[in-house]
N, C-alpha and C. Protein backbone atom coordinates (compact mmCIF):
# COMPACT_ATOMS: atom_id res chain seq x y z
N ILE A 1 22.39 -51.54 -18.58
CA ILE A 1 21.25 -52.27 -18.05
C ILE A 1 20.05 -51.93 -18.92
N ASN A 2 19.39 -52.93 -19.43
CA ASN A 2 18.20 -52.74 -20.24
C ASN A 2 16.99 -53.16 -19.41
N THR A 3 16.00 -52.27 -19.31
CA THR A 3 14.82 -52.56 -18.52
C THR A 3 13.56 -52.39 -19.36
N ASP A 4 12.50 -53.05 -18.92
CA ASP A 4 11.20 -52.94 -19.58
C ASP A 4 10.14 -53.41 -18.61
N ILE A 5 8.93 -52.92 -18.77
CA ILE A 5 7.84 -53.39 -17.93
C ILE A 5 7.41 -54.80 -18.36
N LYS A 6 7.73 -55.16 -19.61
CA LYS A 6 7.48 -56.51 -20.12
C LYS A 6 8.77 -57.04 -20.73
N PRO A 7 9.68 -57.52 -19.89
CA PRO A 7 10.96 -58.01 -20.42
C PRO A 7 10.74 -59.10 -21.48
N CYS A 8 11.47 -58.98 -22.58
CA CYS A 8 11.30 -59.92 -23.68
C CYS A 8 12.44 -60.93 -23.78
N SER A 9 13.44 -60.79 -22.93
CA SER A 9 14.55 -61.74 -22.92
C SER A 9 15.22 -61.71 -21.55
N ASP A 10 16.11 -62.66 -21.32
CA ASP A 10 16.77 -62.77 -20.02
C ASP A 10 17.70 -61.60 -19.72
N ASP A 11 18.15 -60.90 -20.76
CA ASP A 11 19.06 -59.78 -20.52
C ASP A 11 18.32 -58.45 -20.30
N VAL A 12 16.99 -58.50 -20.22
CA VAL A 12 16.17 -57.32 -19.94
C VAL A 12 15.54 -57.50 -18.56
N LEU A 13 15.76 -56.51 -17.70
CA LEU A 13 15.23 -56.56 -16.34
C LEU A 13 13.87 -55.88 -16.26
N TYR A 14 13.03 -56.39 -15.40
CA TYR A 14 11.72 -55.77 -15.17
C TYR A 14 11.92 -54.45 -14.42
N MET A 15 11.24 -53.40 -14.90
CA MET A 15 11.19 -52.14 -14.18
C MET A 15 9.95 -51.38 -14.62
N ASP A 16 9.27 -50.78 -13.66
CA ASP A 16 8.09 -49.97 -13.90
C ASP A 16 8.47 -48.52 -13.64
N ILE A 17 8.45 -47.68 -14.68
CA ILE A 17 8.89 -46.29 -14.51
C ILE A 17 7.90 -45.45 -13.72
N THR A 18 6.74 -46.02 -13.38
CA THR A 18 5.78 -45.28 -12.56
C THR A 18 6.05 -45.48 -11.07
N ARG A 19 7.09 -46.21 -10.76
CA ARG A 19 7.48 -46.49 -9.37
C ARG A 19 8.91 -46.00 -9.14
N PRO A 20 9.30 -45.80 -7.89
CA PRO A 20 10.70 -45.44 -7.62
C PRO A 20 11.64 -46.47 -8.25
N PHE A 21 12.73 -45.98 -8.81
CA PHE A 21 13.68 -46.85 -9.51
C PHE A 21 14.53 -47.62 -8.49
N PRO A 22 14.85 -48.87 -8.80
CA PRO A 22 15.62 -49.70 -7.87
C PRO A 22 17.13 -49.50 -7.99
N PHE A 23 17.55 -48.24 -8.11
CA PHE A 23 18.97 -47.93 -8.26
C PHE A 23 19.37 -46.86 -7.27
N ASP A 24 20.63 -46.89 -6.85
CA ASP A 24 21.16 -45.89 -5.93
C ASP A 24 21.30 -44.54 -6.62
N ASP A 25 21.33 -43.49 -5.81
CA ASP A 25 21.60 -42.15 -6.31
C ASP A 25 22.94 -42.13 -7.03
N ASN A 26 23.05 -41.29 -8.05
CA ASN A 26 24.32 -41.07 -8.76
C ASN A 26 24.94 -42.36 -9.28
N SER A 27 24.13 -43.24 -9.84
CA SER A 27 24.61 -44.54 -10.30
C SER A 27 25.01 -44.60 -11.77
N PHE A 28 24.44 -43.73 -12.59
CA PHE A 28 24.61 -43.88 -14.04
C PHE A 28 25.12 -42.59 -14.68
N ARG A 29 25.98 -42.78 -15.67
CA ARG A 29 26.45 -41.64 -16.44
C ARG A 29 25.44 -41.29 -17.54
N TYR A 30 24.75 -42.32 -18.04
CA TYR A 30 23.76 -42.13 -19.10
C TYR A 30 22.49 -42.90 -18.76
N VAL A 31 21.36 -42.30 -19.13
CA VAL A 31 20.07 -42.98 -19.10
C VAL A 31 19.42 -42.70 -20.45
N TYR A 32 18.83 -43.72 -21.03
CA TYR A 32 18.21 -43.60 -22.35
C TYR A 32 16.81 -44.18 -22.30
N SER A 33 15.88 -43.48 -22.91
CA SER A 33 14.49 -43.93 -22.99
C SER A 33 13.98 -43.68 -24.40
N GLU A 34 13.45 -44.72 -25.03
CA GLU A 34 12.92 -44.56 -26.38
C GLU A 34 11.47 -45.01 -26.44
N HIS A 35 10.60 -44.09 -26.80
CA HIS A 35 9.17 -44.35 -26.98
C HIS A 35 8.60 -45.13 -25.80
N VAL A 36 8.81 -44.56 -24.60
CA VAL A 36 8.31 -45.13 -23.35
C VAL A 36 7.40 -44.16 -22.62
N CYS A 37 7.87 -42.94 -22.44
CA CYS A 37 7.20 -41.99 -21.55
C CYS A 37 5.81 -41.58 -22.01
N GLU A 38 5.52 -41.71 -23.30
CA GLU A 38 4.18 -41.40 -23.78
C GLU A 38 3.15 -42.45 -23.35
N HIS A 39 3.62 -43.52 -22.73
CA HIS A 39 2.73 -44.60 -22.29
C HIS A 39 2.33 -44.48 -20.83
N VAL A 40 2.74 -43.41 -20.18
CA VAL A 40 2.37 -43.19 -18.78
C VAL A 40 1.72 -41.82 -18.64
N SER A 41 1.03 -41.63 -17.55
CA SER A 41 0.37 -40.35 -17.29
C SER A 41 1.41 -39.25 -17.10
N PHE A 42 0.94 -38.01 -17.16
CA PHE A 42 1.84 -36.87 -16.94
C PHE A 42 2.49 -36.96 -15.56
N ASP A 43 1.71 -37.27 -14.52
CA ASP A 43 2.27 -37.39 -13.16
C ASP A 43 3.35 -38.46 -13.09
N SER A 44 3.13 -39.59 -13.76
CA SER A 44 4.14 -40.65 -13.77
C SER A 44 5.37 -40.24 -14.56
N PHE A 45 5.18 -39.46 -15.61
CA PHE A 45 6.31 -38.94 -16.39
C PHE A 45 7.18 -38.07 -15.49
N ILE A 46 6.56 -37.19 -14.72
CA ILE A 46 7.31 -36.31 -13.81
C ILE A 46 8.05 -37.13 -12.76
N LEU A 47 7.39 -38.15 -12.20
CA LEU A 47 8.05 -39.05 -11.25
C LEU A 47 9.27 -39.71 -11.91
N ALA A 48 9.10 -40.19 -13.14
CA ALA A 48 10.21 -40.86 -13.84
C ALA A 48 11.36 -39.88 -14.07
N LEU A 49 11.05 -38.64 -14.45
CA LEU A 49 12.12 -37.64 -14.64
C LEU A 49 12.87 -37.39 -13.34
N ARG A 50 12.14 -37.29 -12.24
CA ARG A 50 12.80 -37.09 -10.93
C ARG A 50 13.71 -38.27 -10.60
N GLU A 51 13.23 -39.47 -10.87
CA GLU A 51 14.03 -40.67 -10.61
C GLU A 51 15.26 -40.72 -11.51
N ILE A 52 15.09 -40.35 -12.76
CA ILE A 52 16.23 -40.34 -13.69
C ILE A 52 17.28 -39.35 -13.22
N LEU A 53 16.83 -38.15 -12.85
CA LEU A 53 17.78 -37.15 -12.35
C LEU A 53 18.49 -37.66 -11.09
N ARG A 54 17.75 -38.35 -10.23
CA ARG A 54 18.32 -38.87 -8.98
C ARG A 54 19.41 -39.91 -9.25
N ILE A 55 19.19 -40.79 -10.21
CA ILE A 55 20.15 -41.88 -10.45
C ILE A 55 21.31 -41.47 -11.35
N LEU A 56 21.18 -40.31 -12.01
CA LEU A 56 22.29 -39.84 -12.85
C LEU A 56 23.42 -39.30 -12.00
N LYS A 57 24.64 -39.59 -12.42
CA LYS A 57 25.82 -38.99 -11.79
C LYS A 57 25.84 -37.50 -12.11
N PRO A 58 26.58 -36.71 -11.34
CA PRO A 58 26.73 -35.30 -11.70
C PRO A 58 27.23 -35.19 -13.15
N ASN A 59 26.65 -34.30 -13.90
CA ASN A 59 26.94 -34.11 -15.33
C ASN A 59 26.53 -35.31 -16.18
N GLY A 60 25.68 -36.18 -15.63
CA GLY A 60 25.15 -37.29 -16.41
C GLY A 60 24.20 -36.79 -17.48
N VAL A 61 23.89 -37.66 -18.43
CA VAL A 61 23.07 -37.27 -19.58
C VAL A 61 21.88 -38.21 -19.71
N PHE A 62 20.72 -37.62 -19.89
CA PHE A 62 19.49 -38.36 -20.16
C PHE A 62 19.10 -38.10 -21.60
N ARG A 63 18.97 -39.15 -22.37
CA ARG A 63 18.51 -39.05 -23.77
C ARG A 63 17.12 -39.66 -23.83
N ILE A 64 16.19 -38.88 -24.34
CA ILE A 64 14.80 -39.33 -24.43
C ILE A 64 14.33 -39.18 -25.86
N ALA A 65 13.72 -40.21 -26.38
CA ALA A 65 13.11 -40.18 -27.71
C ALA A 65 11.64 -40.50 -27.53
N MET A 66 10.80 -39.63 -28.08
CA MET A 66 9.36 -39.84 -27.94
C MET A 66 8.62 -39.14 -29.07
N PRO A 67 7.35 -39.52 -29.28
CA PRO A 67 6.59 -38.85 -30.33
C PRO A 67 6.32 -37.40 -29.95
N SER A 68 6.14 -36.58 -30.97
CA SER A 68 5.99 -35.15 -30.78
C SER A 68 4.58 -34.67 -31.13
N LEU A 69 3.97 -33.94 -30.21
CA LEU A 69 2.68 -33.32 -30.48
C LEU A 69 2.83 -32.28 -31.60
N ASP A 70 3.97 -31.61 -31.66
CA ASP A 70 4.22 -30.63 -32.72
C ASP A 70 4.06 -31.28 -34.10
N PHE A 71 4.56 -32.50 -34.23
CA PHE A 71 4.42 -33.25 -35.47
C PHE A 71 2.95 -33.47 -35.81
N LEU A 72 2.15 -33.87 -34.81
CA LEU A 72 0.73 -34.11 -35.06
C LEU A 72 0.00 -32.83 -35.44
N LEU A 73 0.32 -31.74 -34.77
CA LEU A 73 -0.31 -30.46 -35.11
C LEU A 73 0.07 -30.03 -36.52
N ASN A 74 1.30 -30.29 -36.91
CA ASN A 74 1.73 -29.98 -38.27
C ASN A 74 0.96 -30.81 -39.29
N LEU A 75 0.69 -32.07 -38.97
CA LEU A 75 -0.12 -32.90 -39.88
C LEU A 75 -1.48 -32.25 -40.10
N TYR A 76 -2.10 -31.80 -39.01
CA TYR A 76 -3.43 -31.19 -39.11
C TYR A 76 -3.38 -29.85 -39.84
N ASN A 77 -2.42 -29.02 -39.50
CA ASN A 77 -2.35 -27.68 -40.09
C ASN A 77 -1.86 -27.68 -41.53
N ASN A 78 -1.13 -28.71 -41.92
CA ASN A 78 -0.55 -28.77 -43.28
C ASN A 78 -0.74 -30.16 -43.90
N PRO A 79 -2.00 -30.63 -44.00
CA PRO A 79 -2.20 -32.00 -44.49
C PRO A 79 -1.84 -32.19 -45.96
N ASN A 80 -1.75 -31.11 -46.73
CA ASN A 80 -1.43 -31.23 -48.16
C ASN A 80 0.07 -31.17 -48.43
N ASP A 81 0.87 -30.87 -47.39
CA ASP A 81 2.32 -30.93 -47.55
C ASP A 81 2.67 -32.35 -48.03
N LYS A 82 3.58 -32.46 -48.96
CA LYS A 82 3.88 -33.76 -49.59
C LYS A 82 4.24 -34.83 -48.57
N LEU A 83 5.16 -34.52 -47.67
CA LEU A 83 5.59 -35.51 -46.68
C LEU A 83 4.48 -35.79 -45.66
N ASN A 84 3.75 -34.75 -45.23
CA ASN A 84 2.64 -34.96 -44.31
C ASN A 84 1.57 -35.83 -44.94
N SER A 85 1.24 -35.55 -46.20
CA SER A 85 0.24 -36.35 -46.91
C SER A 85 0.70 -37.80 -47.03
N GLN A 86 1.97 -37.99 -47.31
CA GLN A 86 2.53 -39.36 -47.39
C GLN A 86 2.36 -40.06 -46.05
N TYR A 87 2.68 -39.37 -44.94
CA TYR A 87 2.56 -39.97 -43.61
C TYR A 87 1.09 -40.29 -43.31
N ILE A 88 0.20 -39.34 -43.55
CA ILE A 88 -1.23 -39.53 -43.26
C ILE A 88 -1.77 -40.74 -44.01
N HIS A 89 -1.46 -40.84 -45.28
CA HIS A 89 -1.96 -41.98 -46.07
C HIS A 89 -1.32 -43.29 -45.61
N TRP A 90 -0.02 -43.29 -45.37
CA TRP A 90 0.65 -44.50 -44.87
C TRP A 90 0.04 -44.92 -43.55
N HIS A 91 -0.12 -43.97 -42.62
CA HIS A 91 -0.64 -44.28 -41.30
C HIS A 91 -2.04 -44.87 -41.38
N ASN A 92 -2.91 -44.23 -42.14
CA ASN A 92 -4.29 -44.72 -42.22
C ASN A 92 -4.40 -46.05 -42.95
N GLU A 93 -3.60 -46.26 -43.97
CA GLU A 93 -3.61 -47.55 -44.66
C GLU A 93 -3.06 -48.66 -43.77
N THR A 94 -2.08 -48.31 -42.92
CA THR A 94 -1.44 -49.31 -42.08
C THR A 94 -2.21 -49.57 -40.80
N PHE A 95 -2.72 -48.52 -40.17
CA PHE A 95 -3.29 -48.66 -38.83
C PHE A 95 -4.79 -48.45 -38.74
N ASN A 96 -5.44 -48.02 -39.82
CA ASN A 96 -6.90 -47.87 -39.83
C ASN A 96 -7.49 -48.66 -41.00
N PRO A 97 -7.20 -49.96 -41.08
CA PRO A 97 -7.64 -50.73 -42.26
C PRO A 97 -9.16 -50.84 -42.39
N SER A 98 -9.90 -50.60 -41.32
CA SER A 98 -11.37 -50.71 -41.42
C SER A 98 -11.98 -49.50 -42.11
N ASN A 99 -11.20 -48.44 -42.29
CA ASN A 99 -11.69 -47.24 -42.97
C ASN A 99 -11.52 -47.41 -44.47
N ASN A 100 -12.44 -48.18 -45.08
CA ASN A 100 -12.31 -48.54 -46.50
C ASN A 100 -12.50 -47.37 -47.45
N ASN A 101 -13.22 -46.35 -47.04
CA ASN A 101 -13.54 -45.25 -47.95
C ASN A 101 -12.70 -44.01 -47.67
N LEU A 102 -11.44 -44.19 -47.35
CA LEU A 102 -10.59 -43.05 -47.03
C LEU A 102 -10.46 -42.08 -48.19
N LYS A 103 -10.60 -42.57 -49.40
CA LYS A 103 -10.47 -41.69 -50.56
C LYS A 103 -11.55 -40.62 -50.58
N ASP A 104 -12.66 -40.85 -49.84
CA ASP A 104 -13.77 -39.89 -49.81
C ASP A 104 -13.57 -38.79 -48.76
N PHE A 105 -12.52 -38.89 -47.96
CA PHE A 105 -12.30 -37.92 -46.90
C PHE A 105 -11.45 -36.76 -47.40
N PHE A 106 -11.68 -35.58 -46.83
CA PHE A 106 -10.83 -34.43 -47.10
C PHE A 106 -9.50 -34.60 -46.38
N PRO A 107 -8.43 -33.95 -46.85
CA PRO A 107 -7.11 -34.10 -46.21
C PRO A 107 -7.12 -33.82 -44.70
N LYS A 108 -7.82 -32.75 -44.26
CA LYS A 108 -7.83 -32.46 -42.81
C LYS A 108 -8.56 -33.55 -42.05
N ASP A 109 -9.61 -34.15 -42.66
CA ASP A 109 -10.33 -35.26 -42.00
C ASP A 109 -9.41 -36.47 -41.86
N LEU A 110 -8.61 -36.74 -42.87
CA LEU A 110 -7.66 -37.85 -42.78
C LEU A 110 -6.62 -37.57 -41.71
N ALA A 111 -6.21 -36.31 -41.59
CA ALA A 111 -5.28 -35.93 -40.52
C ALA A 111 -5.92 -36.16 -39.16
N VAL A 112 -7.20 -35.84 -39.02
CA VAL A 112 -7.91 -36.06 -37.75
C VAL A 112 -7.95 -37.55 -37.42
N LEU A 113 -8.21 -38.39 -38.39
CA LEU A 113 -8.18 -39.85 -38.17
C LEU A 113 -6.80 -40.28 -37.68
N THR A 114 -5.77 -39.78 -38.35
CA THR A 114 -4.39 -40.12 -37.99
C THR A 114 -4.07 -39.69 -36.56
N ILE A 115 -4.40 -38.45 -36.24
CA ILE A 115 -4.09 -37.90 -34.92
C ILE A 115 -4.81 -38.67 -33.82
N ASN A 116 -6.09 -38.94 -34.00
CA ASN A 116 -6.83 -39.68 -32.98
C ASN A 116 -6.30 -41.09 -32.81
N ASN A 117 -5.99 -41.75 -33.90
CA ASN A 117 -5.43 -43.09 -33.79
C ASN A 117 -4.09 -43.04 -33.08
N PHE A 118 -3.26 -42.09 -33.44
CA PHE A 118 -1.93 -41.94 -32.84
C PHE A 118 -2.03 -41.70 -31.34
N MET A 119 -2.98 -40.87 -30.93
CA MET A 119 -3.08 -40.50 -29.51
C MET A 119 -3.74 -41.59 -28.66
N HIS A 120 -4.49 -42.50 -29.27
CA HIS A 120 -5.24 -43.48 -28.49
C HIS A 120 -4.77 -44.92 -28.69
N SER A 121 -3.91 -45.16 -29.63
CA SER A 121 -3.43 -46.53 -29.88
C SER A 121 -2.11 -46.78 -29.17
N TRP A 122 -1.71 -48.04 -29.16
CA TRP A 122 -0.42 -48.48 -28.62
C TRP A 122 -0.22 -48.13 -27.15
N GLY A 123 -1.31 -47.86 -26.44
CA GLY A 123 -1.20 -47.53 -25.02
C GLY A 123 -0.72 -46.12 -24.75
N HIS A 124 -0.76 -45.26 -25.75
CA HIS A 124 -0.35 -43.87 -25.52
C HIS A 124 -1.30 -43.21 -24.53
N LYS A 125 -0.72 -42.48 -23.58
CA LYS A 125 -1.51 -41.76 -22.58
C LYS A 125 -1.31 -40.26 -22.64
N PHE A 126 -0.15 -39.81 -23.13
CA PHE A 126 0.14 -38.38 -23.14
C PHE A 126 1.20 -38.11 -24.19
N ILE A 127 0.89 -37.25 -25.14
CA ILE A 127 1.85 -36.88 -26.18
C ILE A 127 2.28 -35.44 -25.89
N TYR A 128 3.57 -35.23 -25.82
CA TYR A 128 4.16 -33.95 -25.39
C TYR A 128 4.61 -33.10 -26.57
N SER A 129 4.50 -31.79 -26.39
CA SER A 129 5.13 -30.87 -27.33
C SER A 129 6.62 -30.78 -26.96
N LYS A 130 7.43 -30.34 -27.90
CA LYS A 130 8.86 -30.14 -27.61
C LYS A 130 9.04 -29.18 -26.45
N GLN A 131 8.25 -28.11 -26.44
CA GLN A 131 8.34 -27.11 -25.39
C GLN A 131 7.99 -27.70 -24.03
N MET A 132 6.97 -28.56 -23.98
CA MET A 132 6.57 -29.13 -22.69
C MET A 132 7.62 -30.13 -22.18
N ILE A 133 8.22 -30.87 -23.09
CA ILE A 133 9.30 -31.78 -22.69
C ILE A 133 10.44 -30.97 -22.07
N GLU A 134 10.87 -29.93 -22.78
CA GLU A 134 11.98 -29.11 -22.29
C GLU A 134 11.62 -28.45 -20.96
N HIS A 135 10.43 -27.89 -20.87
CA HIS A 135 10.03 -27.23 -19.62
C HIS A 135 9.97 -28.24 -18.47
N SER A 136 9.44 -29.42 -18.72
CA SER A 136 9.37 -30.46 -17.67
C SER A 136 10.77 -30.84 -17.20
N LEU A 137 11.69 -31.06 -18.15
CA LEU A 137 13.05 -31.43 -17.79
C LEU A 137 13.72 -30.34 -16.94
N LYS A 138 13.60 -29.10 -17.37
CA LYS A 138 14.23 -28.00 -16.64
C LYS A 138 13.58 -27.78 -15.28
N THR A 139 12.26 -27.93 -15.20
CA THR A 139 11.56 -27.77 -13.93
C THR A 139 12.01 -28.82 -12.92
N ILE A 140 12.27 -30.02 -13.37
CA ILE A 140 12.73 -31.11 -12.50
C ILE A 140 14.15 -30.86 -12.01
N GLY A 141 14.96 -30.14 -12.81
CA GLY A 141 16.32 -29.84 -12.39
C GLY A 141 17.40 -30.18 -13.39
N PHE A 142 17.01 -30.64 -14.59
CA PHE A 142 18.02 -30.86 -15.62
C PHE A 142 18.57 -29.51 -16.04
N LYS A 143 19.88 -29.40 -16.16
CA LYS A 143 20.54 -28.11 -16.37
C LYS A 143 20.42 -27.59 -17.79
N SER A 144 20.59 -28.45 -18.77
CA SER A 144 20.49 -27.99 -20.15
C SER A 144 19.74 -29.04 -20.96
N VAL A 145 19.03 -28.57 -21.94
CA VAL A 145 18.27 -29.46 -22.81
C VAL A 145 18.65 -29.14 -24.24
N LYS A 146 19.01 -30.17 -24.99
CA LYS A 146 19.41 -29.99 -26.37
C LYS A 146 18.67 -30.99 -27.23
N GLN A 147 18.03 -30.50 -28.28
CA GLN A 147 17.37 -31.40 -29.21
C GLN A 147 18.41 -31.99 -30.15
N CYS A 148 18.28 -33.28 -30.44
CA CYS A 148 19.23 -33.98 -31.30
C CYS A 148 18.47 -34.67 -32.43
N ASP A 149 19.20 -35.04 -33.46
CA ASP A 149 18.64 -35.86 -34.52
C ASP A 149 18.75 -37.33 -34.12
N ILE A 150 17.92 -38.14 -34.72
CA ILE A 150 17.97 -39.58 -34.47
C ILE A 150 19.38 -40.08 -34.77
N GLY A 151 19.93 -40.84 -33.84
CA GLY A 151 21.24 -41.44 -34.01
C GLY A 151 22.42 -40.53 -33.73
N LYS A 152 22.17 -39.25 -33.55
CA LYS A 152 23.25 -38.27 -33.35
C LYS A 152 23.34 -37.87 -31.89
N SER A 153 24.57 -37.65 -31.42
CA SER A 153 24.81 -37.19 -30.06
C SER A 153 26.24 -36.70 -29.94
N ASN A 154 26.46 -35.78 -29.02
CA ASN A 154 27.83 -35.38 -28.69
C ASN A 154 28.53 -36.46 -27.88
N HIS A 155 27.78 -37.42 -27.40
CA HIS A 155 28.31 -38.51 -26.58
C HIS A 155 28.29 -39.80 -27.40
N MET A 156 29.46 -40.36 -27.64
CA MET A 156 29.56 -41.56 -28.46
C MET A 156 28.64 -42.68 -27.95
N GLU A 157 28.51 -42.79 -26.63
CA GLU A 157 27.71 -43.87 -26.05
C GLU A 157 26.22 -43.72 -26.35
N LEU A 158 25.80 -42.54 -26.76
CA LEU A 158 24.38 -42.29 -27.02
C LEU A 158 24.06 -42.17 -28.51
N ARG A 159 24.99 -42.54 -29.36
CA ARG A 159 24.76 -42.48 -30.80
C ARG A 159 24.15 -43.79 -31.30
N ASN A 160 23.29 -43.65 -32.28
CA ASN A 160 22.71 -44.80 -32.99
C ASN A 160 22.00 -45.79 -32.08
N LEU A 161 21.32 -45.27 -31.07
CA LEU A 161 20.58 -46.14 -30.15
C LEU A 161 19.14 -46.39 -30.58
N GLU A 162 18.55 -45.45 -31.28
CA GLU A 162 17.12 -45.53 -31.59
C GLU A 162 16.80 -46.74 -32.46
N GLN A 163 15.74 -47.45 -32.07
CA GLN A 163 15.29 -48.65 -32.77
C GLN A 163 13.87 -48.53 -33.32
N HIS A 164 13.17 -47.45 -32.97
CA HIS A 164 11.78 -47.31 -33.40
C HIS A 164 11.67 -47.32 -34.93
N GLY A 165 12.68 -46.82 -35.61
CA GLY A 165 12.70 -46.81 -37.07
C GLY A 165 12.85 -48.18 -37.68
N THR A 166 13.04 -49.21 -36.86
CA THR A 166 13.03 -50.59 -37.39
C THR A 166 11.63 -51.19 -37.31
N GLN A 167 10.73 -50.53 -36.56
CA GLN A 167 9.36 -51.01 -36.41
C GLN A 167 8.40 -50.31 -37.36
N ILE A 168 8.73 -49.10 -37.75
CA ILE A 168 7.98 -48.36 -38.74
C ILE A 168 8.99 -47.84 -39.75
N PRO A 169 8.55 -47.36 -40.91
CA PRO A 169 9.54 -46.85 -41.86
C PRO A 169 10.39 -45.74 -41.24
N ASP A 170 11.65 -45.74 -41.58
CA ASP A 170 12.59 -44.76 -41.02
C ASP A 170 12.13 -43.33 -41.28
N TRP A 171 11.61 -43.05 -42.47
CA TRP A 171 11.16 -41.70 -42.80
C TRP A 171 10.01 -41.28 -41.87
N ALA A 172 9.11 -42.21 -41.52
CA ALA A 172 7.99 -41.90 -40.63
C ALA A 172 8.51 -41.67 -39.22
N ASN A 173 9.45 -42.48 -38.79
CA ASN A 173 10.05 -42.31 -37.47
C ASN A 173 10.71 -40.94 -37.34
N LYS A 174 11.41 -40.51 -38.39
CA LYS A 174 12.07 -39.21 -38.36
C LYS A 174 11.05 -38.07 -38.24
N MET A 175 9.87 -38.27 -38.80
CA MET A 175 8.83 -37.23 -38.73
C MET A 175 8.24 -37.14 -37.33
N GLU A 176 7.96 -38.30 -36.73
CA GLU A 176 7.17 -38.29 -35.50
C GLU A 176 7.98 -38.25 -34.21
N THR A 177 9.28 -38.49 -34.28
CA THR A 177 10.08 -38.60 -33.06
C THR A 177 10.88 -37.35 -32.79
N VAL A 178 10.84 -36.93 -31.52
CA VAL A 178 11.67 -35.83 -31.05
C VAL A 178 12.65 -36.41 -30.03
N ILE A 179 13.90 -35.94 -30.06
CA ILE A 179 14.93 -36.42 -29.14
C ILE A 179 15.54 -35.21 -28.45
């Protein structure tokens, strides 16, 4: 079942993750969320986690892909790193086109522009650190939390699901997404 708050086709059902889910307890073996939870408040994120745990079957698996605050902090702390610098320049050229004089900014200033744009654009409301994601999941009642690479999973059904890398360059998606 594919759901979205703004369904884009007939095979996508309307669902608002800030409300109780319209599914029975223990209904699903897998639940997957990609670049969704950063668009709701922290309280709504916790509600969604509780609902996901409720609808998962015993030993069910929740796979979540979302942007990482750790990635943003690394951009700020290491703006001259080759890959970080590449991301900062790509991001500002792509998403801050009104900043015509970017060449006059220091690397940390460019990182600050990137971070602020990232945190306030696209409807982002809360960007989580890896530790906060894990702590939130365990506090809600998820038994184990394992970080995975994009497209990789011990569960065949959860492999190669991520699509965010089709909207931005794959290399940028790999930098900013935690699973």
